[in-house]
Amino acid sequence: YKGNIRKADLLRKTPYNTYTINGLP
């Protein structure tokens, strides 16, 4: 993370990305 979020970041799966996971981190 360098200060801004791009659309690709919203779609990138991580255990914490609540755009791609269900429920809470």
PDBML (XML) file of the C-alpha atoms, coordinates in Angstrom:
<?xml version="1.0" encoding="UTF-8" ?>
<PDBx:datablock datablockName="MODEL"
   xmlns:PDBx="http://pdbml.pdb.org/schema/pdbx-v50.xsd"
   xmlns:xsi="http://www.w3.org/2001/XMLSchema-instance"
   xsi:schemaLocation="http://pdbml.pdb.org/schema/pdbx-v50.xsd pdbx-v50.xsd">
   <PDBx:atom_siteCategory>
      <PDBx:atom_site id="1">
         <PDBx:B_iso_or_equiv>0.00</PDBx:B_iso_or_equiv>
         <PDBx:Cartn_x>0.000</PDBx:Cartn_x>
         <PDBx:Cartn_y>0.000</PDBx:Cartn_y>
         <PDBx:Cartn_z>0.000</PDBx:Cartn_z>
         <PDBx:auth_asym_id>A</PDBx:auth_asym_id>
         <PDBx:auth_atom_id>CA</PDBx:auth_atom_id>
         <PDBx:auth_comp_id>TYR</PDBx:auth_comp_id>
         <PDBx:auth_seq_id>1</PDBx:auth_seq_id>
         <PDBx:group_PDB>ATOM</PDBx:group_PDB>
         <PDBx:label_alt_id xsi:nil="true" />
         <PDBx:label_asym_id>A</PDBx:label_asym_id>
         <PDBx:label_atom_id>CA</PDBx:label_atom_id>
         <PDBx:label_comp_id>TYR</PDBx:label_comp_id>
         <PDBx:label_entity_id>1</PDBx:label_entity_id>
         <PDBx:label_seq_id>1</PDBx:label_seq_id>
         <PDBx:occupancy>1.00</PDBx:occupancy>
         <PDBx:pdbx_PDB_model_num>1</PDBx:pdbx_PDB_model_num>
         <PDBx:type_symbol>C</PDBx:type_symbol>
      </PDBx:atom_site>
      <PDBx:atom_site id="2">
         <PDBx:B_iso_or_equiv>0.00</PDBx:B_iso_or_equiv>
         <PDBx:Cartn_x>1.550</PDBx:Cartn_x>
         <PDBx:Cartn_y>3.271</PDBx:Cartn_y>
         <PDBx:Cartn_z>-1.194</PDBx:Cartn_z>
         <PDBx:auth_asym_id>A</PDBx:auth_asym_id>
         <PDBx:auth_atom_id>CA</PDBx:auth_atom_id>
         <PDBx:auth_comp_id>LYS</PDBx:auth_comp_id>
         <PDBx:auth_seq_id>2</PDBx:auth_seq_id>
         <PDBx:group_PDB>ATOM</PDBx:group_PDB>
         <PDBx:label_alt_id xsi:nil="true" />
         <PDBx:label_asym_id>A</PDBx:label_asym_id>
         <PDBx:label_atom_id>CA</PDBx:label_atom_id>
         <PDBx:label_comp_id>LYS</PDBx:label_comp_id>
         <PDBx:label_entity_id>1</PDBx:label_entity_id>
         <PDBx:label_seq_id>2</PDBx:label_seq_id>
         <PDBx:occupancy>1.00</PDBx:occupancy>
         <PDBx:pdbx_PDB_model_num>1</PDBx:pdbx_PDB_model_num>
         <PDBx:type_symbol>C</PDBx:type_symbol>
      </PDBx:atom_site>
      <PDBx:atom_site id="3">
         <PDBx:B_iso_or_equiv>0.00</PDBx:B_iso_or_equiv>
         <PDBx:Cartn_x>-1.251</PDBx:Cartn_x>
         <PDBx:Cartn_y>5.715</PDBx:Cartn_y>
         <PDBx:Cartn_z>-0.445</PDBx:Cartn_z>
         <PDBx:auth_asym_id>A</PDBx:auth_asym_id>
         <PDBx:auth_atom_id>CA</PDBx:auth_atom_id>
         <PDBx:auth_comp_id>GLY</PDBx:auth_comp_id>
         <PDBx:auth_seq_id>3</PDBx:auth_seq_id>
         <PDBx:group_PDB>ATOM</PDBx:group_PDB>
         <PDBx:label_alt_id xsi:nil="true" />
         <PDBx:label_asym_id>A</PDBx:label_asym_id>
         <PDBx:label_atom_id>CA</PDBx:label_atom_id>
         <PDBx:label_comp_id>GLY</PDBx:label_comp_id>
         <PDBx:label_entity_id>1</PDBx:label_entity_id>
         <PDBx:label_seq_id>3</PDBx:label_seq_id>
         <PDBx:occupancy>1.00</PDBx:occupancy>
         <PDBx:pdbx_PDB_model_num>1</PDBx:pdbx_PDB_model_num>
         <PDBx:type_symbol>C</PDBx:type_symbol>
      </PDBx:atom_site>
      <PDBx:atom_site id="4">
         <PDBx:B_iso_or_equiv>0.00</PDBx:B_iso_or_equiv>
         <PDBx:Cartn_x>-4.020</PDBx:Cartn_x>
         <PDBx:Cartn_y>4.886</PDBx:Cartn_y>
         <PDBx:Cartn_z>-2.891</PDBx:Cartn_z>
         <PDBx:auth_asym_id>A</PDBx:auth_asym_id>
         <PDBx:auth_atom_id>CA</PDBx:auth_atom_id>
         <PDBx:auth_comp_id>ASN</PDBx:auth_comp_id>
         <PDBx:auth_seq_id>4</PDBx:auth_seq_id>
         <PDBx:group_PDB>ATOM</PDBx:group_PDB>
         <PDBx:label_alt_id xsi:nil="true" />
         <PDBx:label_asym_id>A</PDBx:label_asym_id>
         <PDBx:label_atom_id>CA</PDBx:label_atom_id>
         <PDBx:label_comp_id>ASN</PDBx:label_comp_id>
         <PDBx:label_entity_id>1</PDBx:label_entity_id>
         <PDBx:label_seq_id>4</PDBx:label_seq_id>
         <PDBx:occupancy>1.00</PDBx:occupancy>
         <PDBx:pdbx_PDB_model_num>1</PDBx:pdbx_PDB_model_num>
         <PDBx:type_symbol>C</PDBx:type_symbol>
      </PDBx:atom_site>
      <PDBx:atom_site id="5">
         <PDBx:B_iso_or_equiv>0.00</PDBx:B_iso_or_equiv>
         <PDBx:Cartn_x>-6.226</PDBx:Cartn_x>
         <PDBx:Cartn_y>1.959</PDBx:Cartn_y>
         <PDBx:Cartn_z>-3.837</PDBx:Cartn_z>
         <PDBx:auth_asym_id>A</PDBx:auth_asym_id>
         <PDBx:auth_atom_id>CA</PDBx:auth_atom_id>
         <PDBx:auth_comp_id>ILE</PDBx:auth_comp_id>
         <PDBx:auth_seq_id>5</PDBx:auth_seq_id>
         <PDBx:group_PDB>ATOM</PDBx:group_PDB>
         <PDBx:label_alt_id xsi:nil="true" />
         <PDBx:label_asym_id>A</PDBx:label_asym_id>
         <PDBx:label_atom_id>CA</PDBx:label_atom_id>
         <PDBx:label_comp_id>ILE</PDBx:label_comp_id>
         <PDBx:label_entity_id>1</PDBx:label_entity_id>
         <PDBx:label_seq_id>5</PDBx:label_seq_id>
         <PDBx:occupancy>1.00</PDBx:occupancy>
         <PDBx:pdbx_PDB_model_num>1</PDBx:pdbx_PDB_model_num>
         <PDBx:type_symbol>C</PDBx:type_symbol>
      </PDBx:atom_site>
      <PDBx:atom_site id="6">
         <PDBx:B_iso_or_equiv>0.00</PDBx:B_iso_or_equiv>
         <PDBx:Cartn_x>-6.808</PDBx:Cartn_x>
         <PDBx:Cartn_y>0.858</PDBx:Cartn_y>
         <PDBx:Cartn_z>-7.427</PDBx:Cartn_z>
         <PDBx:auth_asym_id>A</PDBx:auth_asym_id>
         <PDBx:auth_atom_id>CA</PDBx:auth_atom_id>
         <PDBx:auth_comp_id>ARG</PDBx:auth_comp_id>
         <PDBx:auth_seq_id>6</PDBx:auth_seq_id>
         <PDBx:group_PDB>ATOM</PDBx:group_PDB>
         <PDBx:label_alt_id xsi:nil="true" />
         <PDBx:label_asym_id>A</PDBx:label_asym_id>
         <PDBx:label_atom_id>CA</PDBx:label_atom_id>
         <PDBx:label_comp_id>ARG</PDBx:label_comp_id>
         <PDBx:label_entity_id>1</PDBx:label_entity_id>
         <PDBx:label_seq_id>6</PDBx:label_seq_id>
         <PDBx:occupancy>1.00</PDBx:occupancy>
         <PDBx:pdbx_PDB_model_num>1</PDBx:pdbx_PDB_model_num>
         <PDBx:type_symbol>C</PDBx:type_symbol>
      </PDBx:atom_site>
      <PDBx:atom_site id="7">
         <PDBx:B_iso_or_equiv>0.00</PDBx:B_iso_or_equiv>
         <PDBx:Cartn_x>-9.526</PDBx:Cartn_x>
         <PDBx:Cartn_y>-1.353</PDBx:Cartn_y>
         <PDBx:Cartn_z>-8.831</PDBx:Cartn_z>
         <PDBx:auth_asym_id>A</PDBx:auth_asym_id>
         <PDBx:auth_atom_id>CA</PDBx:auth_atom_id>
         <PDBx:auth_comp_id>LYS</PDBx:auth_comp_id>
         <PDBx:auth_seq_id>7</PDBx:auth_seq_id>
         <PDBx:group_PDB>ATOM</PDBx:group_PDB>
         <PDBx:label_alt_id xsi:nil="true" />
         <PDBx:label_asym_id>A</PDBx:label_asym_id>
         <PDBx:label_atom_id>CA</PDBx:label_atom_id>
         <PDBx:label_comp_id>LYS</PDBx:label_comp_id>
         <PDBx:label_entity_id>1</PDBx:label_entity_id>
         <PDBx:label_seq_id>7</PDBx:label_seq_id>
         <PDBx:occupancy>1.00</PDBx:occupancy>
         <PDBx:pdbx_PDB_model_num>1</PDBx:pdbx_PDB_model_num>
         <PDBx:type_symbol>C</PDBx:type_symbol>
      </PDBx:atom_site>
      <PDBx:atom_site id="8">
         <PDBx:B_iso_or_equiv>0.00</PDBx:B_iso_or_equiv>
         <PDBx:Cartn_x>-7.026</PDBx:Cartn_x>
         <PDBx:Cartn_y>-4.202</PDBx:Cartn_y>
         <PDBx:Cartn_z>-9.109</PDBx:Cartn_z>
         <PDBx:auth_asym_id>A</PDBx:auth_asym_id>
         <PDBx:auth_atom_id>CA</PDBx:auth_atom_id>
         <PDBx:auth_comp_id>ALA</PDBx:auth_comp_id>
         <PDBx:auth_seq_id>8</PDBx:auth_seq_id>
         <PDBx:group_PDB>ATOM</PDBx:group_PDB>
         <PDBx:label_alt_id xsi:nil="true" />
         <PDBx:label_asym_id>A</PDBx:label_asym_id>
         <PDBx:label_atom_id>CA</PDBx:label_atom_id>
         <PDBx:label_comp_id>ALA</PDBx:label_comp_id>
         <PDBx:label_entity_id>1</PDBx:label_entity_id>
         <PDBx:label_seq_id>8</PDBx:label_seq_id>
         <PDBx:occupancy>1.00</PDBx:occupancy>
         <PDBx:pdbx_PDB_model_num>1</PDBx:pdbx_PDB_model_num>
         <PDBx:type_symbol>C</PDBx:type_symbol>
      </PDBx:atom_site>
      <PDBx:atom_site id="9">
         <PDBx:B_iso_or_equiv>0.00</PDBx:B_iso_or_equiv>
         <PDBx:Cartn_x>-6.389</PDBx:Cartn_x>
         <PDBx:Cartn_y>-3.927</PDBx:Cartn_y>
         <PDBx:Cartn_z>-5.364</PDBx:Cartn_z>
         <PDBx:auth_asym_id>A</PDBx:auth_asym_id>
         <PDBx:auth_atom_id>CA</PDBx:auth_atom_id>
         <PDBx:auth_comp_id>ASP</PDBx:auth_comp_id>
         <PDBx:auth_seq_id>9</PDBx:auth_seq_id>
         <PDBx:group_PDB>ATOM</PDBx:group_PDB>
         <PDBx:label_alt_id xsi:nil="true" />
         <PDBx:label_asym_id>A</PDBx:label_asym_id>
         <PDBx:label_atom_id>CA</PDBx:label_atom_id>
         <PDBx:label_comp_id>ASP</PDBx:label_comp_id>
         <PDBx:label_entity_id>1</PDBx:label_entity_id>
         <PDBx:label_seq_id>9</PDBx:label_seq_id>
         <PDBx:occupancy>1.00</PDBx:occupancy>
         <PDBx:pdbx_PDB_model_num>1</PDBx:pdbx_PDB_model_num>
         <PDBx:type_symbol>C</PDBx:type_symbol>
      </PDBx:atom_site>
      <PDBx:atom_site id="10">
         <PDBx:B_iso_or_equiv>0.00</PDBx:B_iso_or_equiv>
         <PDBx:Cartn_x>-10.109</PDBx:Cartn_x>
         <PDBx:Cartn_y>-4.320</PDBx:Cartn_y>
         <PDBx:Cartn_z>-4.649</PDBx:Cartn_z>
         <PDBx:auth_asym_id>A</PDBx:auth_asym_id>
         <PDBx:auth_atom_id>CA</PDBx:auth_atom_id>
         <PDBx:auth_comp_id>LEU</PDBx:auth_comp_id>
         <PDBx:auth_seq_id>10</PDBx:auth_seq_id>
         <PDBx:group_PDB>ATOM</PDBx:group_PDB>
         <PDBx:label_alt_id xsi:nil="true" />
         <PDBx:label_asym_id>A</PDBx:label_asym_id>
         <PDBx:label_atom_id>CA</PDBx:label_atom_id>
         <PDBx:label_comp_id>LEU</PDBx:label_comp_id>
         <PDBx:label_entity_id>1</PDBx:label_entity_id>
         <PDBx:label_seq_id>10</PDBx:label_seq_id>
         <PDBx:occupancy>1.00</PDBx:occupancy>
         <PDBx:pdbx_PDB_model_num>1</PDBx:pdbx_PDB_model_num>
         <PDBx:type_symbol>C</PDBx:type_symbol>
      </PDBx:atom_site>
      <PDBx:atom_site id="11">
         <PDBx:B_iso_or_equiv>0.00</PDBx:B_iso_or_equiv>
         <PDBx:Cartn_x>-10.189</PDBx:Cartn_x>
         <PDBx:Cartn_y>-7.501</PDBx:Cartn_y>
         <PDBx:Cartn_z>-6.722</PDBx:Cartn_z>
         <PDBx:auth_asym_id>A</PDBx:auth_asym_id>
         <PDBx:auth_atom_id>CA</PDBx:auth_atom_id>
         <PDBx:auth_comp_id>LEU</PDBx:auth_comp_id>
         <PDBx:auth_seq_id>11</PDBx:auth_seq_id>
         <PDBx:group_PDB>ATOM</PDBx:group_PDB>
         <PDBx:label_alt_id xsi:nil="true" />
         <PDBx:label_asym_id>A</PDBx:label_asym_id>
         <PDBx:label_atom_id>CA</PDBx:label_atom_id>
         <PDBx:label_comp_id>LEU</PDBx:label_comp_id>
         <PDBx:label_entity_id>1</PDBx:label_entity_id>
         <PDBx:label_seq_id>11</PDBx:label_seq_id>
         <PDBx:occupancy>1.00</PDBx:occupancy>
         <PDBx:pdbx_PDB_model_num>1</PDBx:pdbx_PDB_model_num>
         <PDBx:type_symbol>C</PDBx:type_symbol>
      </PDBx:atom_site>
      <PDBx:atom_site id="12">
         <PDBx:B_iso_or_equiv>0.00</PDBx:B_iso_or_equiv>
         <PDBx:Cartn_x>-6.973</PDBx:Cartn_x>
         <PDBx:Cartn_y>-9.004</PDBx:Cartn_y>
         <PDBx:Cartn_z>-5.349</PDBx:Cartn_z>
         <PDBx:auth_asym_id>A</PDBx:auth_asym_id>
         <PDBx:auth_atom_id>CA</PDBx:auth_atom_id>
         <PDBx:auth_comp_id>ARG</PDBx:auth_comp_id>
         <PDBx:auth_seq_id>12</PDBx:auth_seq_id>
         <PDBx:group_PDB>ATOM</PDBx:group_PDB>
         <PDBx:label_alt_id xsi:nil="true" />
         <PDBx:label_asym_id>A</PDBx:label_asym_id>
         <PDBx:label_atom_id>CA</PDBx:label_atom_id>
         <PDBx:label_comp_id>ARG</PDBx:label_comp_id>
         <PDBx:label_entity_id>1</PDBx:label_entity_id>
         <PDBx:label_seq_id>12</PDBx:label_seq_id>
         <PDBx:occupancy>1.00</PDBx:occupancy>
         <PDBx:pdbx_PDB_model_num>1</PDBx:pdbx_PDB_model_num>
         <PDBx:type_symbol>C</PDBx:type_symbol>
      </PDBx:atom_site>
      <PDBx:atom_site id="13">
         <PDBx:B_iso_or_equiv>0.00</PDBx:B_iso_or_equiv>
         <PDBx:Cartn_x>-7.707</PDBx:Cartn_x>
         <PDBx:Cartn_y>-11.811</PDBx:Cartn_y>
         <PDBx:Cartn_z>-2.903</PDBx:Cartn_z>
         <PDBx:auth_asym_id>A</PDBx:auth_asym_id>
         <PDBx:auth_atom_id>CA</PDBx:auth_atom_id>
         <PDBx:auth_comp_id>LYS</PDBx:auth_comp_id>
         <PDBx:auth_seq_id>13</PDBx:auth_seq_id>
         <PDBx:group_PDB>ATOM</PDBx:group_PDB>
         <PDBx:label_alt_id xsi:nil="true" />
         <PDBx:label_asym_id>A</PDBx:label_asym_id>
         <PDBx:label_atom_id>CA</PDBx:label_atom_id>
         <PDBx:label_comp_id>LYS</PDBx:label_comp_id>
         <PDBx:label_entity_id>1</PDBx:label_entity_id>
         <PDBx:label_seq_id>13</PDBx:label_seq_id>
         <PDBx:occupancy>1.00</PDBx:occupancy>
         <PDBx:pdbx_PDB_model_num>1</PDBx:pdbx_PDB_model_num>
         <PDBx:type_symbol>C</PDBx:type_symbol>
      </PDBx:atom_site>
      <PDBx:atom_site id="14">
         <PDBx:B_iso_or_equiv>0.00</PDBx:B_iso_or_equiv>
         <PDBx:Cartn_x>-6.165</PDBx:Cartn_x>
         <PDBx:Cartn_y>-11.577</PDBx:Cartn_y>
         <PDBx:Cartn_z>0.550</PDBx:Cartn_z>
         <PDBx:auth_asym_id>A</PDBx:auth_asym_id>
         <PDBx:auth_atom_id>CA</PDBx:auth_atom_id>
         <PDBx:auth_comp_id>THR</PDBx:auth_comp_id>
         <PDBx:auth_seq_id>14</PDBx:auth_seq_id>
         <PDBx:group_PDB>ATOM</PDBx:group_PDB>
         <PDBx:label_alt_id xsi:nil="true" />
         <PDBx:label_asym_id>A</PDBx:label_asym_id>
         <PDBx:label_atom_id>CA</PDBx:label_atom_id>
         <PDBx:label_comp_id>THR</PDBx:label_comp_id>
         <PDBx:label_entity_id>1</PDBx:label_entity_id>
         <PDBx:label_seq_id>14</PDBx:label_seq_id>
         <PDBx:occupancy>1.00</PDBx:occupancy>
         <PDBx:pdbx_PDB_model_num>1</PDBx:pdbx_PDB_model_num>
         <PDBx:type_symbol>C</PDBx:type_symbol>
      </PDBx:atom_site>
      <PDBx:atom_site id="15">
         <PDBx:B_iso_or_equiv>0.00</PDBx:B_iso_or_equiv>
         <PDBx:Cartn_x>-7.442</PDBx:Cartn_x>
         <PDBx:Cartn_y>-13.033</PDBx:Cartn_y>
         <PDBx:Cartn_z>3.845</PDBx:Cartn_z>
         <PDBx:auth_asym_id>A</PDBx:auth_asym_id>
         <PDBx:auth_atom_id>CA</PDBx:auth_atom_id>
         <PDBx:auth_comp_id>PRO</PDBx:auth_comp_id>
         <PDBx:auth_seq_id>15</PDBx:auth_seq_id>
         <PDBx:group_PDB>ATOM</PDBx:group_PDB>
         <PDBx:label_alt_id xsi:nil="true" />
         <PDBx:label_asym_id>A</PDBx:label_asym_id>
         <PDBx:label_atom_id>CA</PDBx:label_atom_id>
         <PDBx:label_comp_id>PRO</PDBx:label_comp_id>
         <PDBx:label_entity_id>1</PDBx:label_entity_id>
         <PDBx:label_seq_id>15</PDBx:label_seq_id>
         <PDBx:occupancy>1.00</PDBx:occupancy>
         <PDBx:pdbx_PDB_model_num>1</PDBx:pdbx_PDB_model_num>
         <PDBx:type_symbol>C</PDBx:type_symbol>
      </PDBx:atom_site>
      <PDBx:atom_site id="16">
         <PDBx:B_iso_or_equiv>0.00</PDBx:B_iso_or_equiv>
         <PDBx:Cartn_x>-8.517</PDBx:Cartn_x>
         <PDBx:Cartn_y>-9.494</PDBx:Cartn_y>
         <PDBx:Cartn_z>4.802</PDBx:Cartn_z>
         <PDBx:auth_asym_id>A</PDBx:auth_asym_id>
         <PDBx:auth_atom_id>CA</PDBx:auth_atom_id>
         <PDBx:auth_comp_id>TYR</PDBx:auth_comp_id>
         <PDBx:auth_seq_id>16</PDBx:auth_seq_id>
         <PDBx:group_PDB>ATOM</PDBx:group_PDB>
         <PDBx:label_alt_id xsi:nil="true" />
         <PDBx:label_asym_id>A</PDBx:label_asym_id>
         <PDBx:label_atom_id>CA</PDBx:label_atom_id>
         <PDBx:label_comp_id>TYR</PDBx:label_comp_id>
         <PDBx:label_entity_id>1</PDBx:label_entity_id>
         <PDBx:label_seq_id>16</PDBx:label_seq_id>
         <PDBx:occupancy>1.00</PDBx:occupancy>
         <PDBx:pdbx_PDB_model_num>1</PDBx:pdbx_PDB_model_num>
         <PDBx:type_symbol>C</PDBx:type_symbol>
      </PDBx:atom_site>
      <PDBx:atom_site id="17">
         <PDBx:B_iso_or_equiv>0.00</PDBx:B_iso_or_equiv>
         <PDBx:Cartn_x>-10.042</PDBx:Cartn_x>
         <PDBx:Cartn_y>-8.086</PDBx:Cartn_y>
         <PDBx:Cartn_z>1.605</PDBx:Cartn_z>
         <PDBx:auth_asym_id>A</PDBx:auth_asym_id>
         <PDBx:auth_atom_id>CA</PDBx:auth_atom_id>
         <PDBx:auth_comp_id>ASN</PDBx:auth_comp_id>
         <PDBx:auth_seq_id>17</PDBx:auth_seq_id>
         <PDBx:group_PDB>ATOM</PDBx:group_PDB>
         <PDBx:label_alt_id xsi:nil="true" />
         <PDBx:label_asym_id>A</PDBx:label_asym_id>
         <PDBx:label_atom_id>CA</PDBx:label_atom_id>
         <PDBx:label_comp_id>ASN</PDBx:label_comp_id>
         <PDBx:label_entity_id>1</PDBx:label_entity_id>
         <PDBx:label_seq_id>17</PDBx:label_seq_id>
         <PDBx:occupancy>1.00</PDBx:occupancy>
         <PDBx:pdbx_PDB_model_num>1</PDBx:pdbx_PDB_model_num>
         <PDBx:type_symbol>C</PDBx:type_symbol>
      </PDBx:atom_site>
      <PDBx:atom_site id="18">
         <PDBx:B_iso_or_equiv>0.00</PDBx:B_iso_or_equiv>
         <PDBx:Cartn_x>-13.766</PDBx:Cartn_x>
         <PDBx:Cartn_y>-7.855</PDBx:Cartn_y>
         <PDBx:Cartn_z>2.363</PDBx:Cartn_z>
         <PDBx:auth_asym_id>A</PDBx:auth_asym_id>
         <PDBx:auth_atom_id>CA</PDBx:auth_atom_id>
         <PDBx:auth_comp_id>THR</PDBx:auth_comp_id>
         <PDBx:auth_seq_id>18</PDBx:auth_seq_id>
         <PDBx:group_PDB>ATOM</PDBx:group_PDB>
         <PDBx:label_alt_id xsi:nil="true" />
         <PDBx:label_asym_id>A</PDBx:label_asym_id>
         <PDBx:label_atom_id>CA</PDBx:label_atom_id>
         <PDBx:label_comp_id>THR</PDBx:label_comp_id>
         <PDBx:label_entity_id>1</PDBx:label_entity_id>
         <PDBx:label_seq_id>18</PDBx:label_seq_id>
         <PDBx:occupancy>1.00</PDBx:occupancy>
         <PDBx:pdbx_PDB_model_num>1</PDBx:pdbx_PDB_model_num>
         <PDBx:type_symbol>C</PDBx:type_symbol>
      </PDBx:atom_site>
      <PDBx:atom_site id="19">
         <PDBx:B_iso_or_equiv>0.00</PDBx:B_iso_or_equiv>
         <PDBx:Cartn_x>-14.469</PDBx:Cartn_x>
         <PDBx:Cartn_y>-7.197</PDBx:Cartn_y>
         <PDBx:Cartn_z>-1.309</PDBx:Cartn_z>
         <PDBx:auth_asym_id>A</PDBx:auth_asym_id>
         <PDBx:auth_atom_id>CA</PDBx:auth_atom_id>
         <PDBx:auth_comp_id>TYR</PDBx:auth_comp_id>
         <PDBx:auth_seq_id>19</PDBx:auth_seq_id>
         <PDBx:group_PDB>ATOM</PDBx:group_PDB>
         <PDBx:label_alt_id xsi:nil="true" />
         <PDBx:label_asym_id>A</PDBx:label_asym_id>
         <PDBx:label_atom_id>CA</PDBx:label_atom_id>
         <PDBx:label_comp_id>TYR</PDBx:label_comp_id>
         <PDBx:label_entity_id>1</PDBx:label_entity_id>
         <PDBx:label_seq_id>19</PDBx:label_seq_id>
         <PDBx:occupancy>1.00</PDBx:occupancy>
         <PDBx:pdbx_PDB_model_num>1</PDBx:pdbx_PDB_model_num>
         <PDBx:type_symbol>C</PDBx:type_symbol>
      </PDBx:atom_site>
      <PDBx:atom_site id="20">
         <PDBx:B_iso_or_equiv>0.00</PDBx:B_iso_or_equiv>
         <PDBx:Cartn_x>-13.468</PDBx:Cartn_x>
         <PDBx:Cartn_y>-10.814</PDBx:Cartn_y>
         <PDBx:Cartn_z>-1.991</PDBx:Cartn_z>
         <PDBx:auth_asym_id>A</PDBx:auth_asym_id>
         <PDBx:auth_atom_id>CA</PDBx:auth_atom_id>
         <PDBx:auth_comp_id>THR</PDBx:auth_comp_id>
         <PDBx:auth_seq_id>20</PDBx:auth_seq_id>
         <PDBx:group_PDB>ATOM</PDBx:group_PDB>
         <PDBx:label_alt_id xsi:nil="true" />
         <PDBx:label_asym_id>A</PDBx:label_asym_id>
         <PDBx:label_atom_id>CA</PDBx:label_atom_id>
         <PDBx:label_comp_id>THR</PDBx:label_comp_id>
         <PDBx:label_entity_id>1</PDBx:label_entity_id>
         <PDBx:label_seq_id>20</PDBx:label_seq_id>
         <PDBx:occupancy>1.00</PDBx:occupancy>
         <PDBx:pdbx_PDB_model_num>1</PDBx:pdbx_PDB_model_num>
         <PDBx:type_symbol>C</PDBx:type_symbol>
      </PDBx:atom_site>
      <PDBx:atom_site id="21">
         <PDBx:B_iso_or_equiv>0.00</PDBx:B_iso_or_equiv>
         <PDBx:Cartn_x>-14.209</PDBx:Cartn_x>
         <PDBx:Cartn_y>-12.661</PDBx:Cartn_y>
         <PDBx:Cartn_z>1.276</PDBx:Cartn_z>
         <PDBx:auth_asym_id>A</PDBx:auth_asym_id>
         <PDBx:auth_atom_id>CA</PDBx:auth_atom_id>
         <PDBx:auth_comp_id>ILE</PDBx:auth_comp_id>
         <PDBx:auth_seq_id>21</PDBx:auth_seq_id>
         <PDBx:group_PDB>ATOM</PDBx:group_PDB>
         <PDBx:label_alt_id xsi:nil="true" />
         <PDBx:label_asym_id>A</PDBx:label_asym_id>
         <PDBx:label_atom_id>CA</PDBx:label_atom_id>
         <PDBx:label_comp_id>ILE</PDBx:label_comp_id>
         <PDBx:label_entity_id>1</PDBx:label_entity_id>
         <PDBx:label_seq_id>21</PDBx:label_seq_id>
         <PDBx:occupancy>1.00</PDBx:occupancy>
         <PDBx:pdbx_PDB_model_num>1</PDBx:pdbx_PDB_model_num>
         <PDBx:type_symbol>C</PDBx:type_symbol>
      </PDBx:atom_site>
      <PDBx:atom_site id="22">
         <PDBx:B_iso_or_equiv>0.00</PDBx:B_iso_or_equiv>
         <PDBx:Cartn_x>-17.445</PDBx:Cartn_x>
         <PDBx:Cartn_y>-13.249</PDBx:Cartn_y>
         <PDBx:Cartn_z>3.107</PDBx:Cartn_z>
         <PDBx:auth_asym_id>A</PDBx:auth_asym_id>
         <PDBx:auth_atom_id>CA</PDBx:auth_atom_id>
         <PDBx:auth_comp_id>ASN</PDBx:auth_comp_id>
         <PDBx:auth_seq_id>22</PDBx:auth_seq_id>
         <PDBx:group_PDB>ATOM</PDBx:group_PDB>
         <PDBx:label_alt_id xsi:nil="true" />
         <PDBx:label_asym_id>A</PDBx:label_asym_id>
         <PDBx:label_atom_id>CA</PDBx:label_atom_id>
         <PDBx:label_comp_id>ASN</PDBx:label_comp_id>
         <PDBx:label_entity_id>1</PDBx:label_entity_id>
         <PDBx:label_seq_id>22</PDBx:label_seq_id>
         <PDBx:occupancy>1.00</PDBx:occupancy>
         <PDBx:pdbx_PDB_model_num>1</PDBx:pdbx_PDB_model_num>
         <PDBx:type_symbol>C</PDBx:type_symbol>
      </PDBx:atom_site>
      <PDBx:atom_site id="23">
         <PDBx:B_iso_or_equiv>0.00</PDBx:B_iso_or_equiv>
         <PDBx:Cartn_x>-17.882</PDBx:Cartn_x>
         <PDBx:Cartn_y>-12.154</PDBx:Cartn_y>
         <PDBx:Cartn_z>6.693</PDBx:Cartn_z>
         <PDBx:auth_asym_id>A</PDBx:auth_asym_id>
         <PDBx:auth_atom_id>CA</PDBx:auth_atom_id>
         <PDBx:auth_comp_id>GLY</PDBx:auth_comp_id>
         <PDBx:auth_seq_id>23</PDBx:auth_seq_id>
         <PDBx:group_PDB>ATOM</PDBx:group_PDB>
         <PDBx:label_alt_id xsi:nil="true" />
         <PDBx:label_asym_id>A</PDBx:label_asym_id>
         <PDBx:label_atom_id>CA</PDBx:label_atom_id>
         <PDBx:label_comp_id>GLY</PDBx:label_comp_id>
         <PDBx:label_entity_id>1</PDBx:label_entity_id>
         <PDBx:label_seq_id>23</PDBx:label_seq_id>
         <PDBx:occupancy>1.00</PDBx:occupancy>
         <PDBx:pdbx_PDB_model_num>1</PDBx:pdbx_PDB_model_num>
         <PDBx:type_symbol>C</PDBx:type_symbol>
      </PDBx:atom_site>
      <PDBx:atom_site id="24">
         <PDBx:B_iso_or_equiv>0.00</PDBx:B_iso_or_equiv>
         <PDBx:Cartn_x>-15.230</PDBx:Cartn_x>
         <PDBx:Cartn_y>-10.547</PDBx:Cartn_y>
         <PDBx:Cartn_z>8.872</PDBx:Cartn_z>
         <PDBx:auth_asym_id>A</PDBx:auth_asym_id>
         <PDBx:auth_atom_id>CA</PDBx:auth_atom_id>
         <PDBx:auth_comp_id>LEU</PDBx:auth_comp_id>
         <PDBx:auth_seq_id>24</PDBx:auth_seq_id>
         <PDBx:group_PDB>ATOM</PDBx:group_PDB>
         <PDBx:label_alt_id xsi:nil="true" />
         <PDBx:label_asym_id>A</PDBx:label_asym_id>
         <PDBx:label_atom_id>CA</PDBx:label_atom_id>
         <PDBx:label_comp_id>LEU</PDBx:label_comp_id>
         <PDBx:label_entity_id>1</PDBx:label_entity_id>
         <PDBx:label_seq_id>24</PDBx:label_seq_id>
         <PDBx:occupancy>1.00</PDBx:occupancy>
         <PDBx:pdbx_PDB_model_num>1</PDBx:pdbx_PDB_model_num>
         <PDBx:type_symbol>C</PDBx:type_symbol>
      </PDBx:atom_site>
      <PDBx:atom_site id="25">
         <PDBx:B_iso_or_equiv>0.00</PDBx:B_iso_or_equiv>
         <PDBx:Cartn_x>-11.428</PDBx:Cartn_x>
         <PDBx:Cartn_y>-10.712</PDBx:Cartn_y>
         <PDBx:Cartn_z>8.442</PDBx:Cartn_z>
         <PDBx:auth_asym_id>A</PDBx:auth_asym_id>
         <PDBx:auth_atom_id>CA</PDBx:auth_atom_id>
         <PDBx:auth_comp_id>PRO</PDBx:auth_comp_id>
         <PDBx:auth_seq_id>25</PDBx:auth_seq_id>
         <PDBx:group_PDB>ATOM</PDBx:group_PDB>
         <PDBx:label_alt_id xsi:nil="true" />
         <PDBx:label_asym_id>A</PDBx:label_asym_id>
         <PDBx:label_atom_id>CA</PDBx:label_atom_id>
         <PDBx:label_comp_id>PRO</PDBx:label_comp_id>
         <PDBx:label_entity_id>1</PDBx:label_entity_id>
         <PDBx:label_seq_id>25</PDBx:label_seq_id>
         <PDBx:occupancy>1.00</PDBx:occupancy>
         <PDBx:pdbx_PDB_model_num>1</PDBx:pdbx_PDB_model_num>
         <PDBx:type_symbol>C</PDBx:type_symbol>
      </PDBx:atom_site>
   </PDBx:atom_siteCategory>
</PDBx:datablock>
